[in-house]
Amino acid sequence: MNKKKNFVQASKLEKISNSAQYTFVLGERSNGKSFAVKELILKKCYEEGIEFIYLRRFELDIKDSVCVHYYGDTPVSAITNGEYTTIDVYRKTIYFANINEETGKIVRGQKIGYCCALSGAEHIKSLSFPKVKYIDFEEVISSDGNYLFDEPNKLQHFVSTVFRLRSDGKVFCVGNTISRICPYYREYGLEQGLKKQKLGEVKLYKIDETVIAVYLTDSLNYNSGMFFGNIANNITKGMYETKTLPHLPKPYFRYKSIYQFVLQYNEFKFYCELLQDVQNGSNITWYVQPKTTEIQKKTRVISNKFDINPWWKTSFDGLTPKEKEIMTLLFDDQVCYSDNLTGTEFLNILKYFK
């Protein structure tokens, strides 16, 4: 017997968004997050005559053909009571549409929205969007850490441009739980709450007069048989995506620690040791594990946070020549990790210090 799958429902998203200006909808792939957001917004556009913005990070993702394909699964006929059957995008403007049965050509009807890229937000500052009530920002979490500079604040500037002095706007930020390293978590004060949040739970955060809802969607706990290994846990269970990375070939006590430092990025801390094989002194490797205790005095720290402590540096450039020499092993992938999640997050964070 098939188990009931907990797909995200548009009705629940509407209820959540009624209590917040920003709603983060996070979870595993293919559990209906994007579909539910599209269904909710298109229904509002048809019933209330409003408009929306489909937002992506880069221009490449908002080509007309790409956007048409993105909306290809939406139940347009059901939403519009048969008045329209499809979605068309022309010059980055979104329409309800029909297909002429005789000619096969698209016949555009009600204009309902626009496709925009956050990277090109500067180009729309002088434009007006009086009918736009929703912004649907898809793929808010980047799988490769390729965010725009100061992206969370760029998003707020974009929202300000769209809604101007109106207070009725709603923003959906939709993403897969592929990484815990996300500038939005830090900038919007979501990090600590997300660490404790359970699947299916909704948490509200208030920053000044703005309410942010975070909905960590339920897992489908379903595998079609097409997915395996570490990636299957992300696709089918909503677990964070990890790479398969090297672990120590021998037990830890078979090595001698000859140098240590802490790498810190916001709330993430890693304890890094240069280990030497006790039996074969020529075998040297870095070993990285989570740093769960307080950083002690006279500990070398590389951090994105400034500190007047002379042991703290904001980049590897401030190290001594000898330290720089041994750090080359770190950047040459001569590294082992305590676990795959630690290694994946360490490598993503290391990019910010190169």
Protein backbone atom coordinates (compact mmCIF):
# COMPACT_ATOMS: atom_id res chain seq x y z
CA MET A 1 0.00 0.00 0.00
CA ASN A 2 1.34 3.43 -0.93
CA LYS A 3 1.97 5.82 1.90
CA LYS A 4 0.35 9.24 1.72
CA LYS A 5 2.94 11.77 0.60
CA ASN A 6 3.14 15.08 2.46
CA PHE A 7 3.23 17.43 -0.51
CA VAL A 8 3.25 21.14 0.29
CA GLN A 9 -0.22 22.65 0.02
CA ALA A 10 -1.05 26.11 -1.37
CA SER A 11 -3.69 26.61 1.34
CA LYS A 12 -1.07 26.21 4.07
CA LEU A 13 1.30 28.64 2.37
CA GLU A 14 -1.49 31.22 2.17
CA LYS A 15 -2.18 30.84 5.88
CA ILE A 16 1.52 31.19 6.75
CA SER A 17 2.04 34.20 4.49
CA ASN A 18 -0.92 35.99 6.09
CA SER A 19 1.24 36.30 9.22
CA ALA A 20 4.49 37.43 7.57
CA GLN A 21 5.95 39.66 4.89
CA TYR A 22 8.64 37.10 3.97
CA THR A 23 8.01 33.35 3.87
CA PHE A 24 10.93 30.96 3.45
CA VAL A 25 9.70 27.61 2.12
CA LEU A 26 12.51 25.10 2.59
CA GLY A 27 12.75 21.35 2.17
CA GLU A 28 13.73 18.38 0.07
CA ARG A 29 13.52 18.35 -3.71
CA SER A 30 10.26 17.54 -5.48
CA ASN A 31 7.95 17.81 -2.47
CA GLY A 32 5.71 20.41 -4.09
CA LYS A 33 7.20 23.62 -2.66
CA SER A 34 7.45 25.50 -5.95
CA PHE A 35 4.24 24.01 -7.34
CA ALA A 36 2.25 25.18 -4.30
CA VAL A 37 3.69 28.71 -4.47
CA LYS A 38 2.88 28.92 -8.20
CA GLU A 39 -0.63 27.57 -7.65
CA LEU A 40 -1.34 30.06 -4.86
CA ILE A 41 -0.02 33.09 -6.75
CA LEU A 42 -1.67 32.27 -10.08
CA LYS A 43 -5.00 31.76 -8.34
CA LYS A 44 -4.69 35.16 -6.66
CA CYS A 45 -3.77 36.77 -9.97
CA TYR A 46 -6.86 35.36 -11.67
CA GLU A 47 -9.34 36.01 -8.86
CA GLU A 48 -8.07 39.42 -7.74
CA GLY A 49 -6.52 40.85 -10.90
CA ILE A 50 -3.14 41.35 -9.22
CA GLU A 51 0.35 40.67 -10.60
CA PHE A 52 3.56 39.05 -9.35
CA ILE A 53 7.27 38.84 -10.02
CA TYR A 54 9.08 35.58 -10.68
CA LEU A 55 12.57 36.28 -9.31
CA ARG A 56 15.80 34.39 -9.90
CA ARG A 57 19.41 35.21 -9.09
CA PHE A 58 20.82 35.47 -12.62
CA GLU A 59 19.63 36.64 -16.04
CA LEU A 60 20.35 33.22 -17.52
CA ASP A 61 17.48 31.75 -15.50
CA ILE A 62 14.78 34.12 -16.76
CA LYS A 63 14.92 33.60 -20.51
CA ASP A 64 11.37 33.46 -21.89
CA SER A 65 11.67 29.82 -22.94
CA VAL A 66 13.04 28.79 -19.54
CA CYS A 67 10.21 30.56 -17.71
CA VAL A 68 7.54 29.03 -19.97
CA HIS A 69 8.95 25.60 -19.15
CA TYR A 70 8.97 26.43 -15.44
CA TYR A 71 5.23 27.16 -15.47
CA GLY A 72 4.42 24.18 -17.68
CA ASP A 73 3.14 22.04 -14.79
CA THR A 74 0.67 24.54 -13.38
CA PRO A 75 -3.08 23.63 -13.56
CA VAL A 76 -4.02 26.80 -15.45
CA SER A 77 -7.37 25.49 -16.72
CA ALA A 78 -8.49 24.51 -13.21
CA ILE A 79 -7.29 27.81 -11.72
CA THR A 80 -9.09 29.92 -14.36
CA ASN A 81 -12.22 27.77 -14.63
CA GLY A 82 -11.35 26.86 -18.21
CA GLU A 83 -10.87 30.44 -19.45
CA TYR A 84 -7.16 29.85 -20.08
CA THR A 85 -5.13 26.69 -20.63
CA THR A 86 -1.49 27.69 -20.43
CA ILE A 87 1.12 30.28 -19.43
CA ASP A 88 3.10 32.32 -21.95
CA VAL A 89 6.13 34.54 -21.35
CA TYR A 90 7.01 37.23 -23.87
CA ARG A 91 9.86 39.67 -23.30
CA LYS A 92 9.92 38.72 -19.62
CA THR A 93 6.22 39.48 -19.16
CA ILE A 94 3.95 36.63 -17.99
CA TYR A 95 0.43 36.03 -19.38
CA PHE A 96 -2.44 33.62 -19.01
CA ALA A 97 -2.92 32.27 -22.53
CA ASN A 98 -4.63 29.79 -24.83
CA ILE A 99 -3.45 27.83 -27.85
CA ASN A 100 -5.39 28.38 -31.07
CA GLU A 101 -6.52 24.93 -32.15
CA GLU A 102 -6.42 25.78 -35.85
CA THR A 103 -3.10 27.62 -36.06
CA GLY A 104 -1.34 26.24 -32.98
CA LYS A 105 -0.30 29.78 -32.08
CA ILE A 106 -0.34 31.23 -28.58
CA VAL A 107 -3.10 33.75 -27.88
CA ARG A 108 -2.17 35.86 -24.87
CA GLY A 109 -4.79 37.01 -22.42
CA GLN A 110 -4.51 38.53 -18.95
CA LYS A 111 -1.09 39.92 -18.04
CA ILE A 112 -0.16 38.53 -14.63
CA GLY A 113 3.51 39.16 -13.97
CA TYR A 114 7.15 39.72 -14.81
CA CYS A 115 10.40 37.74 -14.79
CA CYS A 116 13.30 39.51 -13.07
CA ALA A 117 16.88 38.71 -12.05
CA LEU A 118 18.25 39.98 -8.76
CA SER A 119 21.63 40.50 -10.45
CA GLY A 120 20.01 43.08 -12.72
CA ALA A 121 17.91 44.83 -10.08
CA GLU A 122 19.60 48.16 -10.84
CA HIS A 123 17.80 48.27 -14.20
CA ILE A 124 14.29 48.36 -12.73
CA LYS A 125 14.74 51.05 -10.06
CA SER A 126 12.88 53.61 -12.16
CA LEU A 127 10.00 51.25 -13.05
CA SER A 128 6.64 51.04 -11.32
CA PHE A 129 4.80 47.86 -10.30
CA PRO A 130 1.53 49.10 -8.75
CA LYS A 131 -0.35 45.82 -9.26
CA VAL A 132 2.40 43.46 -8.04
CA LYS A 133 1.54 41.87 -4.69
CA TYR A 134 3.76 38.76 -4.69
CA ILE A 135 7.44 38.07 -5.34
CA ASP A 136 8.38 34.43 -5.89
CA PHE A 137 12.15 34.05 -5.39
CA GLU A 138 13.10 30.53 -6.48
CA GLU A 139 16.33 28.67 -5.67
CA VAL A 140 17.14 31.06 -2.83
CA ILE A 141 19.71 28.56 -1.50
CA SER A 142 22.66 28.10 -3.84
CA SER A 143 24.14 24.61 -4.14
CA ASP A 144 27.61 25.98 -4.94
CA GLY A 145 27.62 29.06 -2.71
CA ASN A 146 27.45 31.33 -5.75
CA TYR A 147 25.57 34.22 -4.15
CA LEU A 148 25.62 37.84 -5.23
CA PHE A 149 27.69 40.24 -3.16
CA ASP A 150 25.61 41.48 -0.21
CA GLU A 151 22.68 39.49 -1.62
CA PRO A 152 20.27 39.61 1.38
CA ASN A 153 20.39 43.41 1.34
CA LYS A 154 20.06 43.45 -2.46
CA LEU A 155 16.83 41.50 -2.06
CA GLN A 156 15.47 44.06 0.40
CA HIS A 157 16.33 46.90 -2.00
CA PHE A 158 14.56 44.99 -4.79
CA VAL A 159 11.49 44.50 -2.60
CA SER A 160 11.54 48.20 -1.76
CA THR A 161 11.61 49.09 -5.46
CA VAL A 162 8.67 46.82 -6.26
CA PHE A 163 6.37 47.66 -3.36
CA ARG A 164 7.50 51.27 -2.84
CA LEU A 165 5.52 52.58 0.15
CA ARG A 166 2.94 49.79 0.07
CA SER A 167 2.69 47.39 3.00
CA ASP A 168 0.58 44.68 1.34
CA GLY A 169 3.43 42.88 -0.47
CA LYS A 170 4.39 39.27 0.15
CA VAL A 171 7.71 37.58 -0.64
CA PHE A 172 8.15 33.81 -0.99
CA CYS A 173 11.74 32.52 -0.85
CA VAL A 174 11.81 28.89 -2.00
CA GLY A 175 14.83 26.62 -1.64
CA ASN A 176 16.04 23.07 -1.23
CA THR A 177 17.78 22.21 2.03
CA ILE A 178 21.09 21.60 0.29
CA SER A 179 23.35 23.69 2.52
CA ARG A 180 23.34 25.24 5.98
CA ILE A 181 25.71 27.93 4.71
CA CYS A 182 23.41 30.64 3.43
CA PRO A 183 23.84 34.42 3.83
CA TYR A 184 20.11 34.85 4.39
CA TYR A 185 20.23 32.72 7.54
CA ARG A 186 22.87 34.94 9.07
CA GLU A 187 21.64 38.32 7.84
CA TYR A 188 18.01 37.68 8.81
CA GLY A 189 18.82 36.05 12.16
CA LEU A 190 17.53 32.58 11.28
CA GLU A 191 20.60 30.42 12.03
CA GLN A 192 19.97 29.42 15.63
CA GLY A 193 16.27 28.69 15.10
CA LEU A 194 16.87 26.58 12.01
CA LYS A 195 19.30 24.34 13.90
CA LYS A 196 16.45 23.28 16.21
CA GLN A 197 13.55 23.44 13.78
CA LYS A 198 11.75 20.19 12.99
CA LEU A 199 10.31 19.05 9.67
CA GLY A 200 6.79 20.32 9.18
CA GLU A 201 7.29 23.16 11.65
CA VAL A 202 6.73 26.87 11.02
CA LYS A 203 8.71 29.50 12.96
CA LEU A 204 8.17 33.25 12.97
CA TYR A 205 10.95 35.79 13.44
CA LYS A 206 10.43 39.52 13.93
CA ILE A 207 13.10 42.02 12.88
CA ASP A 208 12.02 45.59 13.60
CA GLU A 209 8.55 45.74 12.02
CA THR A 210 9.11 42.88 9.57
CA VAL A 211 7.92 39.31 10.21
CA ILE A 212 9.76 36.42 8.54
CA ALA A 213 8.19 32.96 8.48
CA VAL A 214 10.32 29.86 7.97
CA TYR A 215 8.44 26.74 6.92
CA LEU A 216 10.64 23.63 7.01
CA THR A 217 8.45 21.36 4.92
CA ASP A 218 7.69 17.72 5.63
CA SER A 219 9.72 14.94 4.06
CA LEU A 220 8.01 12.65 1.55
CA ASN A 221 10.18 9.71 2.70
CA TYR A 222 9.85 8.33 -0.79
CA ASN A 223 12.44 6.94 -3.16
CA SER A 224 11.51 5.89 -6.66
CA GLY A 225 14.66 3.79 -6.84
CA MET A 226 16.37 6.34 -9.07
CA PHE A 227 18.48 7.89 -6.29
CA PHE A 228 21.23 6.39 -4.17
CA GLY A 229 24.17 7.31 -1.94
CA ASN A 230 24.47 10.61 -0.09
CA ILE A 231 22.38 12.54 -2.59
CA ALA A 232 19.41 10.24 -1.98
CA ASN A 233 19.17 11.49 1.62
CA ASN A 234 18.74 15.05 0.34
CA ILE A 235 16.33 14.23 -2.46
CA THR A 236 14.10 11.86 -0.50
CA LYS A 237 14.50 12.90 3.15
CA GLY A 238 15.36 16.60 3.07
CA MET A 239 18.76 16.05 4.69
CA TYR A 240 21.55 18.48 3.84
CA GLU A 241 23.44 17.59 0.69
CA THR A 242 26.97 16.29 1.25
CA LYS A 243 29.91 15.11 -0.79
CA THR A 244 31.80 11.90 -0.16
CA LEU A 245 35.13 13.09 1.25
CA PRO A 246 38.29 11.49 2.69
CA HIS A 247 38.47 10.34 6.31
CA LEU A 248 41.60 9.44 8.27
CA PRO A 249 42.96 6.09 7.05
CA LYS A 250 44.11 5.23 10.58
CA PRO A 251 42.62 5.83 14.03
CA TYR A 252 43.19 9.38 15.31
CA PHE A 253 45.55 8.25 18.09
CA ARG A 254 47.97 6.95 15.42
CA TYR A 255 48.81 10.56 14.54
CA LYS A 256 50.67 13.40 16.22
CA SER A 257 49.16 16.89 16.08
CA ILE A 258 51.92 19.34 15.06
CA TYR A 259 49.88 22.50 14.31
CA GLN A 260 46.35 23.69 14.98
CA PHE A 261 44.09 26.58 14.03
CA VAL A 262 40.38 27.43 13.99
CA LEU A 263 38.54 28.52 10.87
CA GLN A 264 35.45 30.56 11.69
CA TYR A 265 32.76 31.92 9.41
CA ASN A 266 29.82 33.51 11.21
CA GLU A 267 28.44 30.74 13.45
CA PHE A 268 30.44 27.94 11.77
CA LYS A 269 33.69 26.92 13.46
CA PHE A 270 36.15 24.21 12.40
CA TYR A 271 39.11 22.85 14.34
CA CYS A 272 41.92 22.14 11.89
CA GLU A 273 44.97 20.07 12.83
CA LEU A 274 48.06 19.22 10.84
CA LEU A 275 48.64 15.56 11.69
CA GLN A 276 51.80 13.50 11.28
CA ASP A 277 51.70 9.73 11.04
CA VAL A 278 53.50 8.37 14.13
CA GLN A 279 54.90 5.36 12.24
CA ASN A 280 55.79 7.21 9.04
CA GLY A 281 56.75 10.82 9.72
CA SER A 282 56.68 11.74 6.03
CA ASN A 283 52.91 11.20 5.91
CA ILE A 284 51.26 14.49 6.82
CA THR A 285 47.64 15.55 6.38
CA TRP A 286 45.20 18.13 7.62
CA TYR A 287 42.30 16.88 9.72
CA VAL A 288 39.13 18.99 10.05
CA GLN A 289 36.36 18.52 12.59
CA PRO A 290 33.63 20.78 14.05
CA LYS A 291 34.77 23.16 16.80
CA THR A 292 32.16 22.80 19.53
CA THR A 293 33.95 24.40 22.49
CA GLU A 294 35.02 27.97 23.20
CA ILE A 295 38.12 29.21 21.39
CA GLN A 296 41.03 29.35 23.84
CA LYS A 297 43.52 32.19 24.21
CA LYS A 298 46.62 32.02 22.00
CA THR A 299 44.79 29.93 19.42
CA ARG A 300 45.41 30.87 15.82
CA VAL A 301 42.04 31.88 14.31
CA ILE A 302 41.14 32.71 10.72
CA SER A 303 37.75 34.42 10.82
CA ASN A 304 35.52 36.76 8.84
CA LYS A 305 34.94 38.56 12.15
CA PHE A 306 37.51 41.19 13.13
CA ASP A 307 39.16 40.94 16.55
CA ILE A 308 42.04 42.95 18.02
CA ASN A 309 43.53 39.74 19.39
CA PRO A 310 46.90 39.36 17.54
CA TRP A 311 46.20 35.63 17.11
CA TRP A 312 43.14 36.45 14.98
CA LYS A 313 43.41 37.08 11.24
CA THR A 314 40.73 37.82 8.67
CA SER A 315 42.59 36.02 5.88
CA PHE A 316 45.45 33.62 5.29
CA ASP A 317 47.53 36.54 4.00
CA GLY A 318 48.26 37.68 7.55
CA LEU A 319 50.03 34.47 8.55
CA THR A 320 53.76 33.95 9.02
CA PRO A 321 55.78 32.55 6.08
CA LYS A 322 56.02 29.15 7.81
CA GLU A 323 52.27 29.04 8.41
CA LYS A 324 51.60 29.97 4.78
CA GLU A 325 53.83 27.11 3.68
CA ILE A 326 51.91 24.46 5.60
CA MET A 327 48.60 25.97 4.51
CA THR A 328 49.40 25.00 0.92
CA LEU A 329 48.47 21.43 1.86
CA LEU A 330 45.05 22.71 2.87
CA PHE A 331 44.46 24.28 -0.54
CA ASP A 332 45.95 21.27 -2.35
CA ASP A 333 43.22 19.03 -0.92
CA GLN A 334 45.60 17.17 1.40
CA VAL A 335 42.76 17.02 3.94
CA CYS A 336 40.70 14.44 5.82
CA TYR A 337 37.43 15.14 7.58
CA SER A 338 35.59 13.84 10.63
CA ASP A 339 32.42 13.39 8.53
CA ASN A 340 31.02 14.30 5.12
CA LEU A 341 28.77 17.14 6.30
CA THR A 342 31.69 18.85 8.07
CA GLY A 343 33.86 18.47 4.97
CA THR A 344 31.21 19.77 2.60
CA GLU A 345 30.56 22.86 4.72
CA PHE A 346 34.29 23.46 5.30
CA LEU A 347 35.01 23.44 1.56
CA ASN A 348 32.12 25.81 0.86
CA ILE A 349 33.35 28.22 3.55
CA LEU A 350 37.00 27.97 2.51
CA LYS A 351 36.05 29.65 -0.79
CA TYR A 352 35.37 32.89 1.08
CA PHE A 353 38.99 33.03 2.34
CA LYS A 354 40.81 32.27 -0.90
